[in-house]
């Protein structure tokens, strides 16, 4: 995990999306912000998908079951998703 290289996107292209997929009973989180990727990696574990360009990670995506209350609360309380 410590050997991962994250590619810093342009400020205008930085994004984080959180989708609630009721049909699949899960949250889907995508971000291309390196600091948030590292933080979510520590809190939630390895992402379901890592998007790469050459050897650098350009984005990460996680799926969390709506039944997994502990991961959801960690994500909301500890990860600086909203930059508060």
Protein backbone atom coordinates (compact mmCIF):
# COMPACT_ATOMS: atom_id res chain seq x y z
CA UNK A 1 0.00 0.00 0.00
CA UNK A 2 2.83 2.43 0.79
CA UNK A 3 4.36 1.92 -2.66
CA UNK A 4 1.40 3.39 -4.54
CA UNK A 5 1.94 6.44 -6.72
CA UNK A 6 -1.02 8.78 -7.13
CA UNK A 7 -1.22 11.22 -10.03
CA UNK A 8 -2.27 14.73 -9.00
CA UNK A 9 -5.09 15.98 -11.29
CA UNK A 10 -5.54 19.57 -12.38
CA UNK A 11 -7.47 21.59 -9.78
CA UNK A 12 -10.35 22.09 -12.26
CA UNK A 13 -10.61 18.33 -12.87
CA UNK A 14 -10.57 17.18 -9.23
CA UNK A 15 -13.78 15.39 -8.29
CA UNK A 16 -15.42 13.13 -5.74
CA UNK A 17 -18.79 11.51 -6.34
CA UNK A 18 -20.92 9.54 -3.91
CA UNK A 19 -23.82 7.62 -5.40
CA UNK A 20 -26.46 5.71 -3.48
CA UNK A 21 -27.41 2.66 -5.51
CA UNK A 22 -30.63 1.46 -3.92
CA UNK A 23 -31.05 -1.42 -6.39
CA UNK A 24 -27.62 -2.78 -5.40
CA UNK A 25 -28.04 -1.71 -1.73
CA UNK A 26 -24.71 0.16 -1.64
CA UNK A 27 -22.83 3.44 -1.72
CA UNK A 28 -20.44 3.91 -4.62
CA UNK A 29 -17.63 6.38 -4.02
CA UNK A 30 -15.24 7.64 -6.70
CA UNK A 31 -12.47 10.17 -6.24
CA UNK A 32 -9.40 11.29 -8.13
CA UNK A 33 -8.07 13.43 -5.25
CA UNK A 34 -4.86 11.72 -4.02
CA UNK A 35 -5.13 12.76 -0.35
CA UNK A 36 -8.72 11.49 -0.14
CA UNK A 37 -7.77 8.26 -1.97
CA UNK A 38 -5.10 7.56 0.66
CA UNK A 39 -7.46 8.41 3.51
CA UNK A 40 -10.28 6.22 2.18
CA UNK A 41 -7.79 3.43 1.48
CA UNK A 42 -6.81 3.50 5.18
CA UNK A 43 -10.42 3.71 6.44
CA UNK A 44 -12.28 1.46 4.02
CA UNK A 45 -9.56 -0.84 2.73
CA UNK A 46 -8.47 -1.48 -0.83
CA UNK A 47 -10.70 0.09 -3.50
CA UNK A 48 -12.84 -2.09 -5.72
CA UNK A 49 -11.31 -0.41 -8.79
CA UNK A 50 -8.15 1.63 -9.30
CA UNK A 51 -7.90 3.62 -12.49
CA UNK A 52 -4.31 3.85 -13.72
CA UNK A 53 -2.27 5.67 -16.31
CA UNK A 54 1.05 3.90 -16.72
CA UNK A 55 2.26 3.33 -13.13
CA UNK A 56 0.27 6.15 -11.50
CA UNK A 57 -3.19 5.83 -9.96
CA UNK A 58 -5.51 8.47 -11.41
CA UNK A 59 -8.66 7.54 -9.46
CA UNK A 60 -10.18 4.99 -7.09
CA UNK A 61 -13.66 3.58 -6.57
CA UNK A 62 -15.22 1.82 -3.57
CA UNK A 63 -18.55 0.11 -3.04
CA UNK A 64 -19.90 -0.07 0.51
CA UNK A 65 -23.00 -2.02 1.46
CA UNK A 66 -25.75 0.10 3.04
CA UNK A 67 -25.81 -2.54 5.79
CA UNK A 68 -22.16 -1.86 6.73
CA UNK A 69 -22.89 0.94 9.22
CA UNK A 70 -19.36 1.02 10.68
CA UNK A 71 -17.68 1.75 7.33
CA UNK A 72 -20.31 4.34 6.44
CA UNK A 73 -19.85 6.18 9.73
CA UNK A 74 -16.04 6.05 9.40
CA UNK A 75 -16.30 7.46 5.90
CA UNK A 76 -18.59 10.32 6.94
CA UNK A 77 -16.95 11.18 10.26
CA UNK A 78 -13.24 10.58 9.67
CA UNK A 79 -12.64 11.08 5.95
CA UNK A 80 -12.46 14.72 4.94
CA UNK A 81 -14.88 14.19 2.03
CA UNK A 82 -16.60 17.54 2.42
CA UNK A 83 -13.35 19.41 3.24
CA UNK A 84 -14.75 20.82 6.47
